[in-house]
C-alpha atoms as a PDB file:
ATOM      1  CA  ASP A   1       4.896  -9.777  18.833  1.00  0.00           C
ATOM      2  CA  GLN A   2       3.357 -13.068  19.912  1.00  0.00           C
ATOM      3  CA  LEU A   3       1.621 -13.601  16.570  1.00  0.00           C
ATOM      4  CA  VAL A   4       4.718 -12.752  14.528  1.00  0.00           C
ATOM      5  CA  ASN A   5       6.911 -14.995  16.688  1.00  0.00           C
ATOM      6  CA  TYR A   6       4.431 -17.856  16.528  1.00  0.00           C
ATOM      7  CA  LEU A   7       3.983 -17.665  12.751  1.00  0.00           C
ATOM      8  CA  ARG A   8       7.735 -17.508  12.156  1.00  0.00           C
ATOM      9  CA  SER A   9       8.548 -20.400  14.479  1.00  0.00           C
ATOM     10  CA  LYS A  10       5.595 -22.744  13.889  1.00  0.00           C
ATOM     11  CA  THR A  11       4.567 -22.193  10.242  1.00  0.00           C
ATOM     12  CA  ASP A  12       6.043 -21.670   6.818  1.00  0.00           C
ATOM     13  CA  VAL A  13       3.887 -18.573   6.234  1.00  0.00           C
ATOM     14  CA  THR A  14       5.883 -15.614   4.945  1.00  0.00           C
ATOM     15  CA  VAL A  15       5.522 -12.919   7.588  1.00  0.00           C
ATOM     16  CA  VAL A  16       6.302  -9.305   6.785  1.00  0.00           C
ATOM     17  CA  ASP A  17       6.434  -7.296   9.998  1.00  0.00           C
ATOM     18  CA  LEU A  18       6.164  -3.670   8.900  1.00  0.00           C
ATOM     19  CA  ARG A  19       6.746  -2.109  12.306  1.00  0.00           C
ATOM     20  CA  PRO A  20      10.572  -1.965  12.110  1.00  0.00           C
ATOM     21  CA  VAL A  21      10.607  -0.371   8.661  1.00  0.00           C
ATOM     22  CA  LEU A  22       8.030   2.238   9.714  1.00  0.00           C
ATOM     23  CA  LEU A  23      10.058   3.081  12.819  1.00  0.00           C
ATOM     24  CA  GLU A  24      13.198   3.402  10.690  1.00  0.00           C
ATOM     25  CA  GLU A  25      11.481   5.670   8.140  1.00  0.00           C
ATOM     26  CA  LYS A  26      10.084   7.730  11.021  1.00  0.00           C
ATOM     27  CA  GLN A  27      13.663   8.863  11.709  1.00  0.00           C
ATOM     28  CA  ARG A  28      13.640  10.640   8.299  1.00  0.00           C
ATOM     29  CA  HIS A  29       9.986  11.531   7.659  1.00  0.00           C
ATOM     30  CA  GLN A  30       6.590  11.608   9.261  1.00  0.00           C
ATOM     31  CA  VAL A  31       5.034   8.253   8.210  1.00  0.00           C
ATOM     32  CA  TYR A  32       1.455   8.902   9.333  1.00  0.00           C
ATOM     33  CA  PHE A  33      -0.623  11.935   8.521  1.00  0.00           C
ATOM     34  CA  LYS A  34      -0.788  14.508  11.313  1.00  0.00           C
ATOM     35  CA  TYR A  35      -4.596  14.626  11.194  1.00  0.00           C
ATOM     36  CA  ASP A  36      -5.318  11.110   9.987  1.00  0.00           C
ATOM     37  CA  SER A  37      -4.794   7.635  11.441  1.00  0.00           C
ATOM     38  CA  HIS A  38      -3.352   6.239   8.182  1.00  0.00           C
ATOM     39  CA  TRP A  39       0.102   5.999   6.632  1.00  0.00           C
ATOM     40  CA  ASN A  40       1.101   8.833   4.359  1.00  0.00           C
ATOM     41  CA  HIS A  41       3.091   8.136   1.178  1.00  0.00           C
ATOM     42  CA  TYR A  42       6.432   8.197   2.988  1.00  0.00           C
ATOM     43  CA  GLY A  43       5.161   5.347   5.136  1.00  0.00           C
ATOM     44  CA  ALA A  44       3.526   3.609   2.158  1.00  0.00           C
ATOM     45  CA  ASN A  45       6.758   3.825   0.157  1.00  0.00           C
ATOM     46  CA  SER A  46       8.668   1.990   2.894  1.00  0.00           C
ATOM     47  CA  VAL A  47       5.873  -0.530   3.433  1.00  0.00           C
ATOM     48  CA  GLN A  48       5.533  -1.424  -0.259  1.00  0.00           C
ATOM     49  CA  TYR A  49       9.282  -1.938  -0.537  1.00  0.00           C
ATOM     50  CA  GLU A  50       9.284  -4.447   2.345  1.00  0.00           C
ATOM     51  CA  ILE A  51       6.281  -6.287   0.928  1.00  0.00           C
ATOM     52  CA  LEU A  52       7.821  -6.494  -2.541  1.00  0.00           C
ATOM     53  CA  LYS A  53      11.155  -7.716  -1.124  1.00  0.00           C
ATOM     54  CA  ALA A  54       9.224 -10.613   0.444  1.00  0.00           C
ATOM     55  CA  VAL A  55       7.456 -11.302  -2.873  1.00  0.00           C
ATOM     56  CA  LYS A  56      10.846 -11.289  -4.618  1.00  0.00           C
ATOM     57  CA  THR A  57      12.002 -14.172  -2.411  1.00  0.00           C
ATOM     58  CA  LEU A  58       9.115 -16.204  -3.872  1.00  0.00           C
ATOM     59  CA  PHE A  59       9.611 -14.997  -7.482  1.00  0.00           C
ATOM     60  CA  PRO A  60      13.282 -13.940  -7.688  1.00  0.00           C
ATOM     61  CA  SER A  61      13.513 -13.040 -11.361  1.00  0.00           C
ATOM     62  CA  ARG A  62      10.002 -11.717 -11.886  1.00  0.00           C
ATOM     63  CA  ILE A  63       9.791  -8.678  -9.643  1.00  0.00           C
ATOM     64  CA  ASN A  64      12.137  -5.801  -8.833  1.00  0.00           C
ATOM     65  CA  PRO A  65      11.320  -3.931  -5.628  1.00  0.00           C
ATOM     66  CA  ALA A  66      12.090  -0.239  -5.799  1.00  0.00           C
ATOM     67  CA  LYS A  67      11.799   2.488  -3.219  1.00  0.00           C
ATOM     68  CA  LEU A  68      11.203   6.057  -4.358  1.00  0.00           C
ATOM     69  CA  ASN A  69      13.789   8.669  -3.450  1.00  0.00           C
ATOM     70  CA  GLU A  70      12.883  11.778  -1.508  1.00  0.00           C
ATOM     71  CA  ASP A  71      13.011  13.895  -4.676  1.00  0.00           C
ATOM     72  CA  GLN A  72      10.259  11.741  -6.217  1.00  0.00           C
ATOM     73  CA  PHE A  73       7.579  13.244  -3.968  1.00  0.00           C
ATOM     74  CA  GLU A  74       5.554  16.383  -4.425  1.00  0.00           C
ATOM     75  CA  ILE A  75       4.232  18.029  -1.258  1.00  0.00           C
ATOM     76  CA  LEU A  76       0.619  19.211  -1.359  1.00  0.00           C
ATOM     77  CA  GLU A  77      -1.397  20.983   1.307  1.00  0.00           C
ATOM     78  CA  VAL A  78      -4.678  19.185   1.985  1.00  0.00           C
ATOM     79  CA  ASP A  79      -7.563  19.154   4.444  1.00  0.00           C
ATOM     80  CA  GLY A  80      -6.991  17.017   7.507  1.00  0.00           C
ATOM     81  CA  GLY A  81      -8.197  13.410   7.471  1.00  0.00           C
ATOM     82  CA  ASP A  82     -10.284  11.140   9.662  1.00  0.00           C
ATOM     83  CA  LEU A  83      -8.967  12.450  13.005  1.00  0.00           C
ATOM     84  CA  VAL A  84     -10.261  15.928  12.131  1.00  0.00           C
ATOM     85  CA  GLY A  85     -13.740  14.484  11.744  1.00  0.00           C
ATOM     86  CA  PHE A  86     -13.483  12.511  14.983  1.00  0.00           C
ATOM     87  CA  VAL A  87     -12.821  15.656  17.044  1.00  0.00           C
ATOM     88  CA  ASN A  88     -14.770  18.104  14.843  1.00  0.00           C
ATOM     89  CA  LEU A  89     -11.695  20.234  14.102  1.00  0.00           C
ATOM     90  CA  ASP A  90     -12.758  22.173  11.021  1.00  0.00           C
ATOM     91  CA  GLY A  91     -10.157  23.874   8.854  1.00  0.00           C
ATOM     92  CA  ALA A  92      -7.176  21.749   9.863  1.00  0.00           C
ATOM     93  CA  ARG A  93      -4.731  21.436   6.957  1.00  0.00           C
ATOM     94  CA  GLU A  94      -1.594  19.380   6.588  1.00  0.00           C
ATOM     95  CA  GLU A  95       1.149  18.469   4.160  1.00  0.00           C
ATOM     96  CA  LYS A  96       0.614  15.416   1.996  1.00  0.00           C
ATOM     97  CA  PRO A  97       3.574  13.828   0.213  1.00  0.00           C
ATOM     98  CA  VAL A  98       2.444  12.490  -3.176  1.00  0.00           C
ATOM     99  CA  PRO A  99       4.628  10.137  -5.222  1.00  0.00           C
ATOM    100  CA  VAL A 100       5.710  11.230  -8.684  1.00  0.00           C
ATOM    101  CA  PHE A 101       6.282   8.055 -10.674  1.00  0.00           C
ATOM    102  CA  LYS A 102       8.662   8.250 -13.607  1.00  0.00           C
ATOM    103  CA  GLU A 103       8.034   4.776 -14.989  1.00  0.00           C
ATOM    104  CA  ASP A 104       6.391   3.844 -18.255  1.00  0.00           C
ATOM    105  CA  CYS A 105       3.520   1.934 -16.661  1.00  0.00           C
ATOM    106  CA  GLU A 106       0.439   3.899 -15.642  1.00  0.00           C
ATOM    107  CA  PRO A 107      -1.922   1.239 -14.227  1.00  0.00           C
ATOM    108  CA  GLN A 108      -5.485   1.265 -15.516  1.00  0.00           C
ATOM    109  CA  ARG A 109      -8.381   0.641 -13.136  1.00  0.00           C
ATOM    110  CA  GLU A 110     -10.927  -2.073 -13.946  1.00  0.00           C
ATOM    111  CA  VAL A 111     -14.076  -2.458 -11.869  1.00  0.00           C
ATOM    112  CA  ARG A 112     -15.906  -5.753 -12.241  1.00  0.00           C
ATOM    113  CA  GLU A 113     -19.576  -5.275 -13.108  1.00  0.00           C
ATOM    114  CA  GLY A 114     -21.715  -5.670 -10.020  1.00  0.00           C
ATOM    115  CA  SER A 115     -18.836  -5.213  -7.583  1.00  0.00           C
ATOM    116  CA  SER A 116     -18.431  -2.370  -5.121  1.00  0.00           C
ATOM    117  CA  ASP A 117     -16.048   0.567  -5.608  1.00  0.00           C
ATOM    118  CA  THR A 118     -13.782  -0.941  -2.966  1.00  0.00           C
ATOM    119  CA  ASN A 119     -13.159  -4.078  -5.060  1.00  0.00           C
ATOM    120  CA  PHE A 120     -11.225  -3.392  -8.241  1.00  0.00           C
ATOM    121  CA  THR A 121      -8.264  -4.429 -10.355  1.00  0.00           C
ATOM    122  CA  MET A 122      -5.378  -2.308 -11.544  1.00  0.00           C
ATOM    123  CA  VAL A 123      -3.676  -3.453 -14.763  1.00  0.00           C
ATOM    124  CA  CYS A 124      -0.081  -2.719 -15.720  1.00  0.00           C
ATOM    125  CA  ARG A 125       0.578  -4.615 -18.929  1.00  0.00           C
ATOM    126  CA  ALA A 126       4.377  -4.405 -18.682  1.00  0.00           C
ATOM    127  CA  ASN A 127       4.550  -6.921 -15.822  1.00  0.00           C
ATOM    128  CA  SER A 128       3.819 -10.643 -15.616  1.00  0.00           C
ATOM    129  CA  LEU A 129       2.842 -11.490 -12.018  1.00  0.00           C
ATOM    130  CA  ASN A 130      -0.696 -11.124 -10.664  1.00  0.00           C
ATOM    131  CA  ALA A 131      -1.625 -10.268  -7.080  1.00  0.00           C
ATOM    132  CA  VAL A 132      -4.756 -10.474  -4.963  1.00  0.00           C
ATOM    133  CA  VAL A 133      -4.684  -8.143  -1.970  1.00  0.00           C
ATOM    134  CA  PHE A 134      -7.160  -8.417   0.874  1.00  0.00           C
ATOM    135  CA  ARG A 135      -7.008  -4.866   2.139  1.00  0.00           C
ATOM    136  CA  ASP A 136      -8.352  -2.231   4.457  1.00  0.00           C
ATOM    137  CA  SER A 137      -8.089   1.569   4.470  1.00  0.00           C
ATOM    138  CA  PHE A 138      -4.381   1.515   5.374  1.00  0.00           C
ATOM    139  CA  PHE A 139      -3.566  -0.078   2.043  1.00  0.00           C
ATOM    140  CA  THR A 140      -5.029   2.775  -0.037  1.00  0.00           C
ATOM    141  CA  SER A 141      -1.709   4.636  -0.061  1.00  0.00           C
ATOM    142  CA  VAL A 142       0.196   1.434  -0.950  1.00  0.00           C
ATOM    143  CA  GLU A 143      -1.924   0.654  -4.047  1.00  0.00           C
ATOM    144  CA  PRO A 144      -0.148   3.023  -6.478  1.00  0.00           C
ATOM    145  CA  TYR A 145       3.179   1.318  -5.768  1.00  0.00           C
ATOM    146  CA  LEU A 146       2.037  -2.298  -5.914  1.00  0.00           C
ATOM    147  CA  SER A 147      -0.127  -1.691  -8.964  1.00  0.00           C
ATOM    148  CA  ARG A 148       3.028  -0.777 -10.889  1.00  0.00           C
ATOM    149  CA  SER A 149       4.757  -4.003  -9.847  1.00  0.00           C
ATOM    150  CA  PHE A 150       2.164  -6.526 -11.027  1.00  0.00           C
ATOM    151  CA  HIS A 151       0.325  -7.229 -14.274  1.00  0.00           C
ATOM    152  CA  ARG A 152      -3.033  -7.425 -12.489  1.00  0.00           C
ATOM    153  CA  SER A 153      -3.452  -6.276  -8.888  1.00  0.00           C
ATOM    154  CA  THR A 154      -6.900  -7.092  -7.562  1.00  0.00           C
ATOM    155  CA  TYR A 155      -7.845  -5.287  -4.347  1.00  0.00           C
ATOM    156  CA  LEU A 156     -10.640  -6.707  -2.187  1.00  0.00           C
ATOM    157  CA  TRP A 157     -12.083  -4.889   0.785  1.00  0.00           C
ATOM    158  CA  GLU A 158     -14.913  -6.929   2.204  1.00  0.00           C
ATOM    159  CA  ARG A 159     -15.688  -9.975   4.254  1.00  0.00           C
ATOM    160  CA  MET A 160     -14.441 -12.992   2.348  1.00  0.00           C
ATOM    161  CA  ASN A 161     -16.828 -15.584   0.966  1.00  0.00           C
ATOM    162  CA  PHE A 162     -17.033 -17.839  -2.081  1.00  0.00           C
ATOM    163  CA  ASP A 163     -18.672 -15.180  -4.287  1.00  0.00           C
ATOM    164  CA  THR A 164     -15.908 -12.696  -3.496  1.00  0.00           C
ATOM    165  CA  LEU A 165     -13.235 -15.149  -4.634  1.00  0.00           C
ATOM    166  CA  LYS A 166     -14.900 -16.071  -7.963  1.00  0.00           C
END
């Protein structure tokens, strides 16, 4: 709260506080996996929409935020995630909502030679804006949404230095 309040009152940095939207979506769906500490795709869908609404304020005519409807998810049963490993709870399974995109763009993954698997670019030729996202494991479920909204979405997951930004 202190950081968000400070940034909003003392800087011109665009701040997207995702907590309210996650709490709102939580009234309709589970937004975190039951056996994992990360957002599921219901949470990611809400998060991406808020992020893209903020981007739209910077580029009003070049991006169109869209939130998937409930009928655009397929429910799979999968093995539990990282929390299962933390407590050694073998065999735990849970439901995983998976988005079913009906758009023309299917982003293609490009990995720069010599870079790690965690640094990559998704290309969706139908769009014009480019994005660089400094991410962590929470952003994995957001990538499929954002990658469809930008021409090139470059995802970086490492400590920043000059070589990373080249």
